[in-house]
Amino acid sequence: MNGLLINGELVQTSLQLDVINPATEQVFTTVPRANEEQLNQAVAAAKIASKLWAKTENETRQKLLISIADCMHENIEELAKIITQEQGKPLEAATLEIHWSEAFCRYFASQQVLPEVLEEDDTKRIEIHHKPLGVVGAIIPWNLPFLIIIYKLAPALLTGNSIIIKPSPTTPVVAVKFGELLKDIVPKGLVNIIVDNNDLGPLLTAHADVNKISFTGSTPTGKAIMASAASTLKPITLELGGNDAGIVLDDVNPQNIAAGIFGSAFINSGQVCIALKRLYVHELVYDDVCEEIAKLANAAVVGNGLDPTSQFGPVQNKIQFDKVCEYIADAKENGTIIAGGDVSDEPGYFVPLTVVKDIADGTKVVDEEPFGPILPIIKYSNIDDAIDSANSLTFGLGGSVWSSDINRARMVAQQLNCGTSWINQHCAFAPNIPFPATKESGIGVELGREGLLEYTNIQVVNINKVS
């Protein structure tokens, strides 16, 4: 790789980071890795750039985002292949991630944040202004290594901020390549890319000249970031873990809903924070729902993402692979495996899509977030019990209800304690739809106008017209 984007230049470093392809367990490339001095250089450059960028007109910011979206479009094939090699997902899914990213970027390029008049009469005028924060630190996870960059970068730049992007150490390559592409597009210092080995995060989050942290990742890490950011009282947006529940009512046709549930549970091999991770099914349709989902899982092809026959890729890294294997062992001990369950000892972090029935609350695979291709299906007879189970955990990201009666489903969905309740779908999101969280699944909002305003401070201008 040519270098890390710092202050408008591609900077080579004395430190290097090997990147492993999870489909082969072999190093496929090496990227530059930053040290503390280079992090400080990036922050200093971003601070200068933010002051200049804050003075630009909305139209200038929109044009830049359109240029960035055009750049993605022109480099789809290269970016997608990088994602497949470092993240593991099939090339078709990686290509779709770039298309999503482009769409998200173009959506924010169509937005503007204008002053609002709260009150006005002959004697006074009260305005609300949304002002840039300054330097944004964006910490990116490994499951969607490009899309999540964009849905932090685009609103940050549109609202007049600069940004420092720190990708996951296991998926840094697409971020580094993106920095190379942006070098001649963005103003000097406006976007900076910092790769580390999980050692620079605390320095970034506590840095006095970083004015906001936007983090997507695990709840334990989110808590550590919150504590670190407290030293400077900087605002934070935390999109954290989820153990999303789906509730299937007794009036469904199992064949009609199986594909939707299957796709929602196993998207990106289950490595999505808002994937459907535990399914509560009424006893009247339980066996049929289990059978239909198991059929789909048993027919799925798991393999190297560069193989066009692969429908699902490996788990992204060795640490997560070992965790998923522990959850499968728990599922075998406490339930009945009806799909998958047997992990090969061949190279690659491959886990077959696994479905377990005859499982209950209180088991590890139900109560915790596997973040892998495992779906536990729990039987219930009373809807109030199912709702209580869905709400019983500390997570509160998303949830869904599946029914042939929309009004009945809505009554259940409104009782779920989560940021988003879906009906007859799950894991559906778009750039214009706010993505909030409750409980230990996060703080603040991503996406939509509400997420856009997370990158601003409110200033009230209170005018006395009487001189």
Protein backbone atom coordinates (compact mmCIF):
# COMPACT_ATOMS: atom_id res chain seq x y z
CA MET A 1 0.00 0.00 0.00
CA ASN A 2 1.20 3.52 -0.73
CA GLY A 3 0.68 4.96 2.75
CA LEU A 4 -1.76 6.35 5.28
CA LEU A 5 -3.66 9.52 4.39
CA ILE A 6 -2.46 12.12 6.90
CA ASN A 7 -2.68 15.85 6.23
CA GLY A 8 -3.26 15.32 2.52
CA GLU A 9 -0.21 13.09 2.02
CA LEU A 10 0.27 9.33 1.79
CA VAL A 11 2.59 8.70 4.71
CA GLN A 12 4.82 5.65 5.02
CA THR A 13 5.49 4.39 8.53
CA SER A 14 8.11 2.34 10.33
CA LEU A 15 5.43 -0.01 11.66
CA GLN A 16 3.60 -2.56 9.53
CA LEU A 17 0.49 -4.68 10.04
CA ASP A 18 -0.09 -8.06 8.39
CA VAL A 19 -3.65 -8.67 7.25
CA ILE A 20 -5.04 -12.22 7.19
CA ASN A 21 -7.54 -13.56 4.69
CA PRO A 22 -10.07 -15.42 6.88
CA ALA A 23 -10.81 -17.88 4.09
CA THR A 24 -7.20 -19.12 4.00
CA GLU A 25 -5.77 -18.02 7.39
CA GLN A 26 -2.84 -16.65 5.38
CA VAL A 27 -1.44 -13.12 5.23
CA PHE A 28 -2.56 -11.61 1.91
CA THR A 29 -1.07 -8.11 2.30
CA THR A 30 0.66 -5.73 4.70
CA VAL A 31 -0.39 -2.16 5.45
CA PRO A 32 1.35 0.78 7.15
CA ARG A 33 0.58 1.16 10.85
CA ALA A 34 0.62 4.51 12.65
CA ASN A 35 2.32 5.42 15.90
CA GLU A 36 1.30 8.00 18.50
CA GLU A 37 3.23 10.79 16.76
CA GLN A 38 1.41 10.18 13.49
CA LEU A 39 -1.93 10.09 15.30
CA ASN A 40 -1.13 13.49 16.78
CA GLN A 41 -0.14 14.77 13.34
CA ALA A 42 -3.48 13.61 11.96
CA VAL A 43 -5.38 15.32 14.77
CA ALA A 44 -3.44 18.57 14.28
CA ALA A 45 -4.12 18.51 10.55
CA ALA A 46 -7.79 17.72 11.09
CA LYS A 47 -8.09 20.59 13.56
CA ILE A 48 -6.78 23.10 11.01
CA ALA A 49 -8.92 21.63 8.22
CA SER A 50 -12.06 21.69 10.35
CA LYS A 51 -11.79 25.42 10.93
CA LEU A 52 -11.57 26.08 7.19
CA TRP A 53 -14.24 23.54 6.26
CA ALA A 54 -16.68 24.96 8.81
CA LYS A 55 -16.71 28.20 6.82
CA THR A 56 -17.76 26.53 3.57
CA GLU A 57 -21.25 26.69 2.12
CA ASN A 58 -23.55 23.68 2.15
CA GLU A 59 -23.30 23.44 -1.63
CA THR A 60 -19.51 23.03 -1.44
CA ARG A 61 -19.89 20.20 1.04
CA GLN A 62 -22.53 18.50 -1.08
CA LYS A 63 -20.31 18.66 -4.16
CA LEU A 64 -17.46 17.03 -2.27
CA LEU A 65 -19.68 14.15 -1.16
CA ILE A 66 -20.85 13.67 -4.75
CA SER A 67 -17.20 13.52 -5.86
CA ILE A 68 -16.51 10.91 -3.17
CA ALA A 69 -19.54 8.87 -4.28
CA ASP A 70 -18.36 9.08 -7.91
CA CYS A 71 -14.94 7.82 -6.78
CA MET A 72 -16.53 4.79 -5.12
CA HIS A 73 -18.53 4.05 -8.24
CA GLU A 74 -15.43 4.18 -10.42
CA ASN A 75 -13.52 1.79 -8.15
CA ILE A 76 -16.23 -0.72 -7.21
CA GLU A 77 -14.43 -3.83 -8.44
CA GLU A 78 -11.13 -3.10 -6.70
CA LEU A 79 -12.74 -2.05 -3.41
CA ALA A 80 -15.07 -5.06 -3.39
CA LYS A 81 -12.25 -7.53 -3.98
CA ILE A 82 -10.30 -6.02 -1.09
CA ILE A 83 -13.31 -6.40 1.21
CA THR A 84 -13.74 -10.05 0.24
CA GLN A 85 -10.08 -10.80 0.87
CA GLU A 86 -9.90 -9.14 4.28
CA GLN A 87 -13.46 -9.55 5.59
CA GLY A 88 -14.40 -12.85 3.97
CA LYS A 89 -17.86 -12.11 2.56
CA PRO A 90 -18.67 -13.30 -0.97
CA LEU A 91 -17.65 -10.94 -3.75
CA GLU A 92 -21.29 -10.29 -4.64
CA ALA A 93 -22.00 -9.16 -1.07
CA ALA A 94 -18.83 -7.05 -1.00
CA THR A 95 -19.88 -5.38 -4.24
CA LEU A 96 -23.29 -4.70 -2.72
CA GLU A 97 -21.56 -3.08 0.27
CA ILE A 98 -19.88 -0.58 -2.07
CA HIS A 99 -23.19 0.11 -3.82
CA TRP A 100 -24.84 0.72 -0.43
CA SER A 101 -21.98 3.02 0.53
CA GLU A 102 -22.37 5.02 -2.64
CA ALA A 103 -26.12 5.34 -2.05
CA PHE A 104 -25.59 6.44 1.56
CA CYS A 105 -23.05 9.04 0.46
CA ARG A 106 -25.36 10.42 -2.23
CA TYR A 107 -28.24 10.59 0.25
CA PHE A 108 -26.24 12.77 2.64
CA ALA A 109 -25.05 14.84 -0.32
CA SER A 110 -28.71 15.74 -0.87
CA GLN A 111 -29.19 17.00 2.68
CA GLN A 112 -28.67 20.38 4.31
CA VAL A 113 -28.79 21.70 7.84
CA LEU A 114 -30.24 25.20 7.86
CA PRO A 115 -30.96 27.63 10.72
CA GLU A 116 -34.44 27.33 12.19
CA VAL A 117 -36.61 30.15 13.50
CA LEU A 118 -38.03 29.12 16.85
CA GLU A 119 -39.99 32.31 17.50
CA GLU A 120 -40.36 35.74 15.93
CA ASP A 121 -42.48 38.83 16.48
CA ASP A 122 -42.01 42.60 16.33
CA THR A 123 -39.64 42.64 19.30
CA LYS A 124 -37.58 39.47 19.02
CA ARG A 125 -36.30 36.67 16.80
CA ILE A 126 -34.97 33.41 18.20
CA GLU A 127 -32.93 31.21 15.87
CA ILE A 128 -31.50 27.71 16.28
CA HIS A 129 -28.22 27.05 14.50
CA HIS A 130 -26.51 23.67 14.10
CA LYS A 131 -22.78 24.27 14.17
CA PRO A 132 -19.93 21.87 13.36
CA LEU A 133 -18.21 20.17 16.28
CA GLY A 134 -14.71 20.18 14.80
CA VAL A 135 -12.64 16.99 14.64
CA VAL A 136 -14.56 13.70 14.58
CA GLY A 137 -12.90 10.42 15.49
CA ALA A 138 -14.59 7.49 13.72
CA ILE A 139 -13.79 3.99 14.95
CA ILE A 140 -14.86 1.30 12.48
CA PRO A 141 -15.64 -2.41 13.07
CA TRP A 142 -14.63 -5.35 10.88
CA ASN A 143 -18.04 -6.62 9.76
CA LEU A 144 -18.93 -3.79 7.34
CA PRO A 145 -15.52 -2.14 6.96
CA PHE A 146 -16.48 0.24 4.16
CA LEU A 147 -20.16 1.01 4.65
CA ILE A 148 -19.67 2.10 8.24
CA ILE A 149 -16.84 4.42 7.20
CA ILE A 150 -19.25 6.13 4.82
CA TYR A 151 -22.15 6.50 7.20
CA LYS A 152 -19.85 8.32 9.58
CA LEU A 153 -17.78 10.26 7.06
CA ALA A 154 -20.66 11.59 4.95
CA PRO A 155 -22.70 13.26 7.74
CA ALA A 156 -19.52 14.50 9.42
CA LEU A 157 -18.34 16.30 6.28
CA LEU A 158 -21.79 17.59 5.34
CA THR A 159 -22.14 19.28 8.72
CA GLY A 160 -18.75 20.98 8.43
CA ASN A 161 -16.44 18.70 10.42
CA SER A 162 -13.16 16.99 9.62
CA ILE A 163 -12.67 13.31 10.37
CA ILE A 164 -10.07 10.78 11.49
CA ILE A 165 -10.96 7.23 10.49
CA LYS A 166 -9.54 4.32 12.49
CA PRO A 167 -10.47 0.99 10.89
CA SER A 168 -10.38 -2.36 12.65
CA PRO A 169 -6.88 -3.89 12.69
CA THR A 170 -8.29 -7.02 11.03
CA THR A 171 -9.90 -5.13 8.10
CA PRO A 172 -7.78 -2.01 7.46
CA VAL A 173 -6.97 -2.51 3.78
CA VAL A 174 -10.10 -1.04 2.21
CA ALA A 175 -9.77 2.04 4.43
CA VAL A 176 -6.13 2.53 3.40
CA LYS A 177 -7.05 2.13 -0.27
CA PHE A 178 -9.91 4.60 0.18
CA GLY A 179 -7.43 7.09 1.63
CA GLU A 180 -5.28 6.74 -1.47
CA LEU A 181 -8.31 7.43 -3.67
CA LEU A 182 -9.34 10.45 -1.60
CA LYS A 183 -5.93 12.09 -1.56
CA ASP A 184 -6.58 14.26 -4.61
CA ILE A 185 -10.31 14.72 -3.94
CA VAL A 186 -10.64 16.07 -0.40
CA PRO A 187 -9.01 19.21 1.01
CA LYS A 188 -5.77 18.70 2.90
CA GLY A 189 -6.31 17.33 6.40
CA LEU A 190 -10.09 17.02 6.06
CA VAL A 191 -10.01 13.20 6.01
CA ASN A 192 -7.26 11.22 7.72
CA ILE A 193 -6.81 7.42 7.95
CA ILE A 194 -5.04 5.90 10.95
CA VAL A 195 -4.31 2.16 11.17
CA ASP A 196 -3.32 0.69 14.52
CA ASN A 197 -3.12 -2.66 16.29
CA ASN A 198 -5.72 -1.81 18.94
CA ASP A 199 -3.22 0.51 20.65
CA LEU A 200 -4.20 4.01 19.48
CA GLY A 201 -7.92 3.93 20.27
CA PRO A 202 -7.59 5.22 23.85
CA LEU A 203 -5.33 8.05 22.66
CA LEU A 204 -7.83 9.06 20.01
CA THR A 205 -10.86 8.96 22.31
CA ALA A 206 -9.17 10.94 25.09
CA HIS A 207 -7.43 13.48 22.81
CA ALA A 208 -8.28 17.03 23.80
CA ASP A 209 -8.44 18.19 20.17
CA VAL A 210 -10.87 15.47 19.07
CA ASN A 211 -14.35 16.92 19.51
CA LYS A 212 -16.53 13.84 18.97
CA ILE A 213 -16.21 10.07 18.84
CA SER A 214 -18.47 7.92 16.69
CA PHE A 215 -17.95 4.24 17.42
CA THR A 216 -19.53 1.05 16.11
CA GLY A 217 -18.55 -2.16 17.88
CA SER A 218 -18.95 -4.21 21.02
CA THR A 219 -20.62 -3.05 24.21
CA PRO A 220 -17.51 -3.61 26.42
CA THR A 221 -15.41 -1.48 24.08
CA GLY A 222 -18.16 1.14 23.96
CA LYS A 223 -18.10 1.40 27.73
CA ALA A 224 -14.32 1.88 27.66
CA ILE A 225 -14.67 4.61 25.02
CA MET A 226 -17.36 6.36 27.07
CA ALA A 227 -15.04 6.39 30.09
CA SER A 228 -12.12 7.67 28.02
CA ALA A 229 -14.14 10.40 26.32
CA ALA A 230 -15.39 11.58 29.71
CA SER A 231 -12.00 13.14 30.41
CA THR A 232 -12.81 15.89 27.89
CA LEU A 233 -16.62 15.65 28.02
CA LYS A 234 -16.73 15.16 24.25
CA PRO A 235 -20.00 13.95 22.72
CA ILE A 236 -20.13 10.32 21.64
CA THR A 237 -22.29 8.17 19.44
CA LEU A 238 -22.11 4.49 20.31
CA GLU A 239 -23.69 1.80 18.15
CA LEU A 240 -22.99 -1.32 20.16
CA GLY A 241 -23.91 -4.99 20.44
CA GLY A 242 -27.33 -6.41 19.83
CA ASN A 243 -29.02 -9.73 20.47
CA ASP A 244 -32.12 -8.98 18.41
CA ALA A 245 -35.20 -11.11 19.04
CA GLY A 246 -37.82 -12.08 16.51
CA ILE A 247 -41.28 -13.22 17.60
CA VAL A 248 -43.34 -15.43 15.31
CA LEU A 249 -47.07 -15.38 16.02
CA ASP A 250 -49.35 -18.39 15.63
CA ASP A 251 -51.06 -17.17 12.48
CA VAL A 252 -48.11 -17.32 10.06
CA ASN A 253 -47.57 -19.54 7.06
CA PRO A 254 -44.10 -20.96 7.84
CA GLN A 255 -43.19 -21.26 4.17
CA ASN A 256 -43.96 -17.58 3.61
CA ILE A 257 -41.76 -16.25 6.40
CA ALA A 258 -38.84 -18.71 6.40
CA ALA A 259 -36.76 -16.97 3.74
CA GLY A 260 -37.12 -13.56 5.41
CA ILE A 261 -36.09 -14.91 8.79
CA PHE A 262 -33.24 -16.93 7.29
CA GLY A 263 -31.85 -13.95 5.39
CA SER A 264 -32.15 -11.69 8.44
CA ALA A 265 -30.38 -14.16 10.72
CA PHE A 266 -27.51 -15.20 8.47
CA ILE A 267 -26.74 -11.97 6.60
CA ASN A 268 -22.96 -11.56 6.47
CA SER A 269 -22.72 -14.97 8.20
CA GLY A 270 -24.57 -13.52 11.21
CA GLN A 271 -21.93 -10.82 11.66
CA VAL A 272 -24.26 -7.83 11.75
CA CYS A 273 -25.25 -5.99 14.92
CA ILE A 274 -28.93 -5.91 13.90
CA ALA A 275 -29.14 -9.44 12.55
CA LEU A 276 -31.94 -11.59 13.97
CA LYS A 277 -30.12 -13.58 16.64
CA ARG A 278 -32.84 -15.41 18.64
CA LEU A 279 -36.26 -16.47 17.41
CA TYR A 280 -39.33 -17.08 19.57
CA VAL A 281 -41.95 -19.18 17.76
CA HIS A 282 -45.46 -20.09 18.92
CA GLU A 283 -45.90 -23.77 19.68
CA LEU A 284 -48.63 -24.21 17.03
CA VAL A 285 -46.19 -23.44 14.21
CA TYR A 286 -42.89 -24.21 15.94
CA ASP A 287 -41.95 -27.48 14.26
CA ASP A 288 -42.88 -26.26 10.78
CA VAL A 289 -40.94 -22.99 11.16
CA CYS A 290 -37.90 -24.88 12.44
CA GLU A 291 -38.08 -27.30 9.52
CA GLU A 292 -38.34 -24.58 6.86
CA ILE A 293 -35.43 -22.55 8.24
CA ALA A 294 -33.30 -25.66 8.66
CA LYS A 295 -33.89 -26.59 5.01
CA LEU A 296 -32.51 -23.24 3.88
CA ALA A 297 -29.51 -23.45 6.21
CA ASN A 298 -28.63 -27.00 5.17
CA ALA A 299 -28.75 -26.00 1.50
CA ALA A 300 -26.51 -22.95 1.93
CA VAL A 301 -22.99 -22.97 0.47
CA VAL A 302 -20.29 -21.63 2.81
CA GLY A 303 -16.88 -21.02 1.27
CA ASN A 304 -14.18 -18.66 0.05
CA GLY A 305 -15.78 -15.38 -0.95
CA LEU A 306 -13.78 -15.30 -4.20
CA ASP A 307 -15.45 -18.56 -5.28
CA PRO A 308 -18.59 -17.54 -7.23
CA THR A 309 -20.47 -20.58 -5.86
CA SER A 310 -20.09 -19.38 -2.25
CA GLN A 311 -23.22 -17.85 -0.72
CA PHE A 312 -21.72 -17.19 2.73
CA GLY A 313 -18.16 -16.51 3.79
CA PRO A 314 -16.11 -17.37 6.89
CA VAL A 315 -16.16 -15.77 10.29
CA GLN A 316 -13.85 -12.78 10.00
CA ASN A 317 -11.09 -13.51 12.51
CA LYS A 318 -9.65 -16.21 14.74
CA ILE A 319 -10.81 -14.67 18.02
CA GLN A 320 -14.40 -14.48 16.80
CA PHE A 321 -14.18 -17.95 15.24
CA ASP A 322 -13.20 -19.45 18.58
CA LYS A 323 -16.09 -17.65 20.29
CA VAL A 324 -18.59 -18.93 17.72
CA CYS A 325 -17.31 -22.48 18.21
CA GLU A 326 -17.97 -22.10 21.95
CA TYR A 327 -21.55 -21.06 21.22
CA ILE A 328 -22.03 -24.08 18.96
CA ALA A 329 -20.79 -26.32 21.76
CA ASP A 330 -23.33 -24.71 24.10
CA ALA A 331 -26.07 -25.23 21.52
CA LYS A 332 -25.20 -28.92 21.22
CA GLU A 333 -25.23 -29.36 24.99
CA ASN A 334 -28.53 -27.56 25.60
CA GLY A 335 -30.55 -28.04 22.42
CA THR A 336 -31.02 -30.03 19.23
CA ILE A 337 -28.96 -29.07 16.18
CA ILE A 338 -31.11 -29.28 13.05
CA ALA A 339 -28.69 -27.60 10.61
CA GLY A 340 -24.92 -27.23 10.61
CA GLY A 341 -23.12 -27.60 13.90
CA ASP A 342 -20.02 -29.44 12.68
CA VAL A 343 -16.98 -27.21 12.13
CA SER A 344 -14.31 -28.53 9.78
CA ASP A 345 -10.63 -28.49 10.71
CA GLU A 346 -9.71 -27.38 7.18
CA PRO A 347 -7.96 -23.98 6.79
CA GLY A 348 -10.22 -20.95 7.02
CA TYR A 349 -12.58 -19.72 9.71
CA PHE A 350 -15.56 -21.48 8.20
CA VAL A 351 -18.64 -22.21 10.28
CA PRO A 352 -21.69 -23.89 8.70
CA LEU A 353 -24.97 -22.07 9.11
CA THR A 354 -26.25 -23.55 12.35
CA VAL A 355 -29.84 -23.77 13.59
CA VAL A 356 -30.72 -25.13 17.04
CA LYS A 357 -34.19 -25.98 18.38
CA ASP A 358 -35.39 -27.27 21.77
CA ILE A 359 -33.34 -24.50 23.39
CA ALA A 360 -34.39 -22.11 26.15
CA ASP A 361 -33.66 -18.77 27.75
CA GLY A 362 -30.81 -18.95 30.23
CA THR A 363 -28.44 -20.72 27.86
CA LYS A 364 -25.31 -19.03 26.55
CA VAL A 365 -26.30 -19.20 22.89
CA VAL A 366 -29.64 -17.48 23.60
CA ASP A 367 -28.70 -14.93 26.24
CA GLU A 368 -25.44 -13.73 24.68
CA GLU A 369 -24.65 -12.40 21.22
CA PRO A 370 -22.81 -15.06 19.17
CA PHE A 371 -22.12 -12.65 16.28
CA GLY A 372 -21.83 -15.59 13.94
CA PRO A 373 -23.96 -17.97 11.86
CA ILE A 374 -26.05 -19.48 14.67
CA LEU A 375 -29.81 -19.15 15.17
CA PRO A 376 -31.46 -20.52 18.32
CA ILE A 377 -35.24 -21.09 17.99
CA ILE A 378 -37.21 -21.04 21.23
CA LYS A 379 -40.77 -22.33 21.64
CA TYR A 380 -43.42 -20.30 23.49
CA SER A 381 -47.12 -20.69 24.21
CA ASN A 382 -48.03 -17.31 25.73
CA ILE A 383 -47.30 -14.09 23.83
CA ASP A 384 -46.69 -12.11 27.02
CA ASP A 385 -43.97 -14.58 27.96
CA ALA A 386 -42.38 -14.18 24.54
CA ILE A 387 -42.39 -10.39 24.86
CA ASP A 388 -40.87 -10.63 28.34
CA SER A 389 -38.14 -12.91 26.99
CA ALA A 390 -37.41 -10.58 24.09
CA ASN A 391 -37.08 -7.66 26.51
CA SER A 392 -35.21 -9.51 29.25
CA LEU A 393 -31.64 -8.85 28.13
CA THR A 394 -29.48 -5.74 28.43
CA PHE A 395 -29.47 -5.36 24.64
CA GLY A 396 -31.92 -3.03 22.88
CA LEU A 397 -30.95 -2.56 19.25
CA GLY A 398 -33.71 -4.13 17.17
CA GLY A 399 -36.53 -6.65 17.22
CA SER A 400 -39.20 -8.02 14.90
CA VAL A 401 -42.65 -9.57 14.81
CA TRP A 402 -43.85 -11.98 12.12
CA SER A 403 -47.58 -12.36 11.51
CA SER A 404 -50.27 -12.42 8.83
CA ASP A 405 -52.17 -9.77 10.83
CA ILE A 406 -50.38 -6.40 10.68
CA ASN A 407 -52.46 -4.79 13.41
CA ARG A 408 -51.86 -7.68 15.77
CA ALA A 409 -48.15 -7.61 14.96
CA ARG A 410 -48.00 -3.85 15.57
CA MET A 411 -49.41 -4.28 19.08
CA VAL A 412 -46.59 -6.70 19.88
CA ALA A 413 -43.90 -4.67 18.10
CA GLN A 414 -44.72 -1.58 20.14
CA GLN A 415 -44.04 -3.54 23.33
CA LEU A 416 -40.47 -4.42 22.34
CA ASN A 417 -37.83 -2.38 24.17
CA CYS A 418 -35.51 -1.68 21.28
CA GLY A 419 -34.50 1.12 18.95
CA THR A 420 -36.21 -0.36 15.88
CA SER A 421 -39.16 -2.75 15.71
CA TRP A 422 -39.77 -4.40 12.35
CA ILE A 423 -42.87 -6.24 11.18
CA ASN A 424 -42.45 -9.16 8.76
CA GLN A 425 -38.86 -8.13 8.13
CA HIS A 426 -35.68 -7.59 10.10
CA CYS A 427 -32.35 -5.84 9.55
CA ALA A 428 -33.96 -3.40 7.11
CA PHE A 429 -32.22 -0.03 7.17
CA ALA A 430 -31.60 2.96 4.90
CA PRO A 431 -29.71 6.26 5.13
CA ASN A 432 -32.89 8.29 5.65
CA ILE A 433 -34.19 6.12 8.51
CA PRO A 434 -32.91 6.97 12.01
CA PHE A 435 -31.08 4.06 13.64
CA PRO A 436 -31.35 4.49 17.44
CA ALA A 437 -30.50 2.12 20.28
CA THR A 438 -31.66 1.55 23.83
CA LYS A 439 -30.18 0.02 26.97
CA GLU A 440 -26.61 -1.27 26.51
CA SER A 441 -26.87 -1.35 22.73
CA GLY A 442 -25.76 2.24 22.40
CA ILE A 443 -26.09 5.97 22.88
CA GLY A 444 -27.29 8.44 20.28
CA VAL A 445 -28.57 7.91 16.76
CA GLU A 446 -26.99 7.01 13.44
CA LEU A 447 -28.49 7.89 10.06
CA GLY A 448 -31.50 10.02 9.15
CA ARG A 449 -31.77 13.68 10.09
CA GLU A 450 -31.45 12.74 13.76
CA GLY A 451 -28.12 11.04 13.06
CA LEU A 452 -26.95 13.96 10.95
CA LEU A 453 -27.54 16.38 13.82
CA GLU A 454 -25.38 14.20 16.10
CA TYR A 455 -22.43 15.81 14.30
CA THR A 456 -23.44 19.32 15.37
CA ASN A 457 -23.78 21.55 18.39
CA ILE A 458 -26.93 23.60 18.87
CA GLN A 459 -26.45 27.34 19.21
CA VAL A 460 -29.36 29.63 20.05
CA VAL A 461 -29.17 33.16 18.62
CA ASN A 462 -31.61 35.30 20.60
CA ILE A 463 -32.18 38.72 18.98
CA ASN A 464 -33.73 41.75 20.60
CA LYS A 465 -35.15 43.86 17.76
CA VAL A 466 -35.87 46.85 19.99
CA SER A 467 -32.87 49.18 20.09
